[in-house]
N, C-alpha and C. Protein backbone atom coordinates (compact mmCIF):
# COMPACT_ATOMS: atom_id res chain seq x y z
N MET A 1 127.76 77.79 78.84
CA MET A 1 127.39 78.63 79.95
C MET A 1 126.53 77.84 80.93
N MET A 2 126.90 77.86 82.19
CA MET A 2 126.16 77.13 83.22
C MET A 2 125.13 78.04 83.89
N HIS A 3 123.93 77.56 84.06
CA HIS A 3 122.88 78.32 84.72
C HIS A 3 122.64 77.72 86.10
N THR A 4 122.49 78.59 87.08
CA THR A 4 122.22 78.16 88.44
C THR A 4 120.89 78.75 88.88
N ALA A 5 120.04 77.94 89.45
CA ALA A 5 118.78 78.43 89.98
C ALA A 5 118.99 78.90 91.41
N VAL A 6 118.57 80.10 91.68
CA VAL A 6 118.68 80.69 93.01
C VAL A 6 117.32 81.23 93.38
N GLY A 7 116.98 81.14 94.66
CA GLY A 7 115.70 81.68 95.09
C GLY A 7 115.83 82.40 96.42
N TRP A 8 115.00 83.40 96.61
CA TRP A 8 114.89 84.11 97.88
C TRP A 8 113.47 83.94 98.37
N HIS A 9 113.33 83.85 99.67
CA HIS A 9 112.01 83.84 100.28
C HIS A 9 111.86 85.13 101.07
N VAL A 10 110.87 85.92 100.73
CA VAL A 10 110.59 87.16 101.44
C VAL A 10 109.43 86.90 102.39
N GLU A 11 109.61 87.30 103.65
CA GLU A 11 108.55 87.15 104.63
C GLU A 11 107.98 88.52 104.96
N LEU A 12 106.67 88.58 105.08
CA LEU A 12 105.99 89.81 105.49
C LEU A 12 105.13 89.48 106.70
N GLU A 13 105.27 90.29 107.74
CA GLU A 13 104.43 90.14 108.92
C GLU A 13 103.77 91.48 109.21
N PHE A 14 102.54 91.40 109.72
CA PHE A 14 101.77 92.61 109.99
C PHE A 14 101.30 92.65 111.43
N GLN A 15 101.26 93.86 111.97
CA GLN A 15 100.60 94.14 113.25
C GLN A 15 99.62 95.27 112.96
N GLU A 16 98.40 95.10 113.44
CA GLU A 16 97.42 96.13 113.12
C GLU A 16 96.42 96.32 114.24
N ASP A 17 95.88 97.55 114.29
CA ASP A 17 94.74 97.85 115.14
C ASP A 17 93.72 98.56 114.25
N ASP A 18 92.74 99.21 114.84
CA ASP A 18 91.69 99.84 114.03
C ASP A 18 92.18 101.00 113.17
N GLN A 19 93.30 101.61 113.53
CA GLN A 19 93.77 102.81 112.84
C GLN A 19 95.10 102.63 112.11
N HIS A 20 95.94 101.67 112.54
CA HIS A 20 97.31 101.57 112.02
C HIS A 20 97.66 100.15 111.61
N THR A 21 98.49 100.06 110.59
CA THR A 21 99.06 98.78 110.18
C THR A 21 100.56 98.96 110.07
N ARG A 22 101.30 98.02 110.68
CA ARG A 22 102.75 98.03 110.58
C ARG A 22 103.17 96.73 109.90
N ALA A 23 104.11 96.84 108.99
CA ALA A 23 104.60 95.67 108.26
C ALA A 23 106.12 95.57 108.45
N VAL A 24 106.58 94.33 108.54
CA VAL A 24 108.01 94.04 108.53
C VAL A 24 108.25 93.08 107.39
N ALA A 25 109.18 93.43 106.52
CA ALA A 25 109.59 92.56 105.41
C ALA A 25 111.00 92.08 105.70
N MET A 26 111.26 90.81 105.44
CA MET A 26 112.58 90.25 105.71
C MET A 26 112.94 89.28 104.61
N VAL A 27 114.20 89.34 104.17
CA VAL A 27 114.70 88.39 103.18
C VAL A 27 116.04 87.87 103.68
N ARG A 28 116.24 86.57 103.51
CA ARG A 28 117.53 85.93 103.81
C ARG A 28 118.24 85.71 102.48
N LEU A 29 119.46 86.23 102.39
CA LEU A 29 120.21 86.13 101.14
C LEU A 29 121.16 84.94 101.19
N SER A 30 121.64 84.55 100.02
CA SER A 30 122.50 83.36 99.92
C SER A 30 123.84 83.56 100.62
N ASP A 31 124.23 84.81 100.90
CA ASP A 31 125.48 85.04 101.64
C ASP A 31 125.27 84.94 103.15
N GLY A 32 124.06 84.57 103.56
CA GLY A 32 123.76 84.39 104.98
C GLY A 32 123.23 85.63 105.67
N SER A 33 123.24 86.76 104.98
CA SER A 33 122.75 87.99 105.60
C SER A 33 121.22 88.05 105.54
N GLU A 34 120.66 88.81 106.46
CA GLU A 34 119.23 89.08 106.48
C GLU A 34 119.03 90.58 106.37
N ILE A 35 118.06 90.96 105.59
CA ILE A 35 117.72 92.38 105.47
C ILE A 35 116.27 92.53 105.92
N ARG A 36 116.04 93.50 106.80
CA ARG A 36 114.70 93.79 107.30
C ARG A 36 114.33 95.22 106.97
N ALA A 37 113.06 95.43 106.69
CA ALA A 37 112.57 96.78 106.41
C ALA A 37 111.16 96.90 106.98
N HIS A 38 110.75 98.13 107.23
CA HIS A 38 109.46 98.39 107.86
C HIS A 38 108.61 99.30 106.98
N GLY A 39 107.31 99.15 107.10
CA GLY A 39 106.36 100.02 106.43
C GLY A 39 105.17 100.26 107.34
N ARG A 40 104.52 101.39 107.16
CA ARG A 40 103.36 101.75 107.99
C ARG A 40 102.23 102.28 107.12
N ALA A 41 101.04 102.13 107.63
CA ALA A 41 99.86 102.74 107.01
C ALA A 41 98.93 103.18 108.13
N SER A 42 98.24 104.28 107.91
CA SER A 42 97.26 104.79 108.88
C SER A 42 95.94 105.02 108.18
N ARG A 43 94.87 104.66 108.86
CA ARG A 43 93.53 104.85 108.30
C ARG A 43 92.99 106.19 108.76
N HIS A 44 92.53 106.98 107.81
CA HIS A 44 91.89 108.25 108.15
C HIS A 44 90.53 107.94 108.76
N ASP A 45 90.09 108.78 109.69
CA ASP A 45 88.81 108.56 110.39
C ASP A 45 87.63 108.43 109.44
N SER A 46 87.69 109.11 108.29
CA SER A 46 86.56 109.06 107.36
C SER A 46 86.60 107.83 106.44
N ASP A 47 87.70 107.05 106.48
CA ASP A 47 87.81 105.86 105.64
C ASP A 47 87.18 104.65 106.31
N ALA A 48 86.65 103.74 105.48
CA ALA A 48 86.10 102.49 106.00
C ALA A 48 87.24 101.65 106.58
N ASN A 49 86.92 100.82 107.56
CA ASN A 49 87.92 99.95 108.17
C ASN A 49 88.15 98.75 107.23
N GLN A 50 89.22 98.80 106.46
CA GLN A 50 89.57 97.74 105.51
C GLN A 50 90.99 97.27 105.80
N PRO A 51 91.15 96.32 106.71
CA PRO A 51 92.50 95.88 107.10
C PRO A 51 93.36 95.44 105.92
N ARG A 52 92.77 94.81 104.91
CA ARG A 52 93.55 94.34 103.77
C ARG A 52 94.22 95.51 103.04
N VAL A 53 93.53 96.64 102.94
CA VAL A 53 94.10 97.81 102.27
C VAL A 53 95.29 98.32 103.07
N GLY A 54 95.16 98.37 104.38
CA GLY A 54 96.28 98.78 105.23
C GLY A 54 97.47 97.86 105.07
N GLU A 55 97.21 96.56 104.97
CA GLU A 55 98.30 95.59 104.76
C GLU A 55 98.97 95.82 103.42
N GLU A 56 98.18 96.08 102.39
CA GLU A 56 98.76 96.30 101.06
C GLU A 56 99.65 97.54 101.04
N ILE A 57 99.20 98.62 101.68
CA ILE A 57 99.98 99.85 101.70
C ILE A 57 101.23 99.68 102.56
N ALA A 58 101.07 99.18 103.78
CA ALA A 58 102.23 99.00 104.67
C ALA A 58 103.20 97.98 104.08
N GLY A 59 102.66 96.91 103.48
CA GLY A 59 103.51 95.89 102.86
C GLY A 59 104.28 96.45 101.68
N ALA A 60 103.63 97.24 100.85
CA ALA A 60 104.30 97.85 99.70
C ALA A 60 105.42 98.78 100.16
N ARG A 61 105.16 99.54 101.21
CA ARG A 61 106.19 100.45 101.72
C ARG A 61 107.37 99.68 102.30
N ALA A 62 107.10 98.58 102.99
CA ALA A 62 108.18 97.75 103.53
C ALA A 62 108.99 97.12 102.40
N LEU A 63 108.31 96.62 101.38
CA LEU A 63 109.02 96.01 100.25
C LEU A 63 109.83 97.04 99.48
N ASN A 64 109.31 98.26 99.36
CA ASN A 64 110.06 99.33 98.70
C ASN A 64 111.33 99.63 99.47
N GLU A 65 111.24 99.72 100.78
CA GLU A 65 112.41 99.97 101.62
C GLU A 65 113.39 98.80 101.51
N LEU A 66 112.86 97.58 101.47
CA LEU A 66 113.71 96.40 101.31
C LEU A 66 114.48 96.48 99.98
N ALA A 67 113.80 96.88 98.92
CA ALA A 67 114.45 97.02 97.62
C ALA A 67 115.57 98.06 97.67
N MET A 68 115.33 99.18 98.34
CA MET A 68 116.36 100.21 98.43
C MET A 68 117.57 99.70 99.22
N GLN A 69 117.33 98.94 100.28
CA GLN A 69 118.44 98.38 101.05
C GLN A 69 119.24 97.37 100.22
N LEU A 70 118.55 96.59 99.39
CA LEU A 70 119.25 95.64 98.52
C LEU A 70 120.13 96.38 97.50
N LEU A 71 119.61 97.48 96.94
CA LEU A 71 120.40 98.27 96.00
C LEU A 71 121.63 98.86 96.69
N THR A 72 121.47 99.35 97.91
CA THR A 72 122.59 99.90 98.66
C THR A 72 123.64 98.83 98.93
N LYS A 73 123.17 97.63 99.30
CA LYS A 73 124.08 96.50 99.56
C LYS A 73 124.84 96.15 98.28
N ALA A 74 124.14 96.10 97.15
CA ALA A 74 124.78 95.77 95.88
C ALA A 74 125.83 96.82 95.51
N HIS A 75 125.50 98.09 95.69
CA HIS A 75 126.47 99.16 95.42
C HIS A 75 127.73 98.96 96.25
N GLY A 76 127.55 98.67 97.53
CA GLY A 76 128.70 98.46 98.41
C GLY A 76 129.57 97.31 97.95
N GLU A 77 128.95 96.24 97.50
CA GLU A 77 129.70 95.07 97.03
C GLU A 77 130.44 95.37 95.72
N ILE A 78 129.78 96.11 94.82
CA ILE A 78 130.44 96.51 93.57
C ILE A 78 131.64 97.40 93.88
N ASP A 79 131.43 98.39 94.75
CA ASP A 79 132.50 99.32 95.10
C ASP A 79 133.67 98.59 95.76
N SER A 80 133.36 97.66 96.64
CA SER A 80 134.39 96.91 97.34
C SER A 80 135.23 96.07 96.37
N ALA A 81 134.56 95.44 95.42
CA ALA A 81 135.26 94.57 94.47
C ALA A 81 136.07 95.37 93.44
N SER A 82 135.55 96.56 93.08
CA SER A 82 136.20 97.33 92.01
C SER A 82 137.17 98.38 92.54
N GLY A 83 137.01 98.76 93.80
CA GLY A 83 137.86 99.80 94.37
C GLY A 83 137.49 101.20 93.91
N ARG A 84 136.29 101.34 93.37
CA ARG A 84 135.84 102.66 92.95
C ARG A 84 134.35 102.80 93.24
N THR A 85 133.83 104.01 93.08
CA THR A 85 132.41 104.24 93.30
C THR A 85 131.63 103.82 92.07
N SER A 86 130.62 102.97 92.30
CA SER A 86 129.85 102.44 91.17
C SER A 86 128.85 103.46 90.65
N HIS A 87 128.42 103.24 89.43
CA HIS A 87 127.37 104.07 88.82
C HIS A 87 126.04 103.76 89.47
N SER A 88 125.15 104.70 89.42
CA SER A 88 123.82 104.52 89.98
C SER A 88 123.11 103.33 89.34
N ILE A 89 122.43 102.53 90.17
CA ILE A 89 121.64 101.41 89.67
C ILE A 89 120.20 101.88 89.63
N ASN A 90 119.60 101.83 88.46
CA ASN A 90 118.22 102.29 88.31
C ASN A 90 117.26 101.26 88.87
N VAL A 91 116.20 101.78 89.47
CA VAL A 91 115.16 100.91 90.02
C VAL A 91 114.16 100.60 88.94
């Protein structure tokens, strides 16, 4: 059995102000496609201004959306190759 090492690089970028953080997650796949996803976080007025927390929340939401898009892409590829609807892929 031959093993092949494959790697993906995921990029996360943030835009933020005093109240909001927006994140964009992007991955380039070996088939040449790119998948992008977005996440947001908002600071409540009573919360301390902690930009890192906003980045963690917005980043996690973007990565979660990225994961769901990858699962959808995989389902489409399975269905296309098999000619039938694939079973649900558990997260």
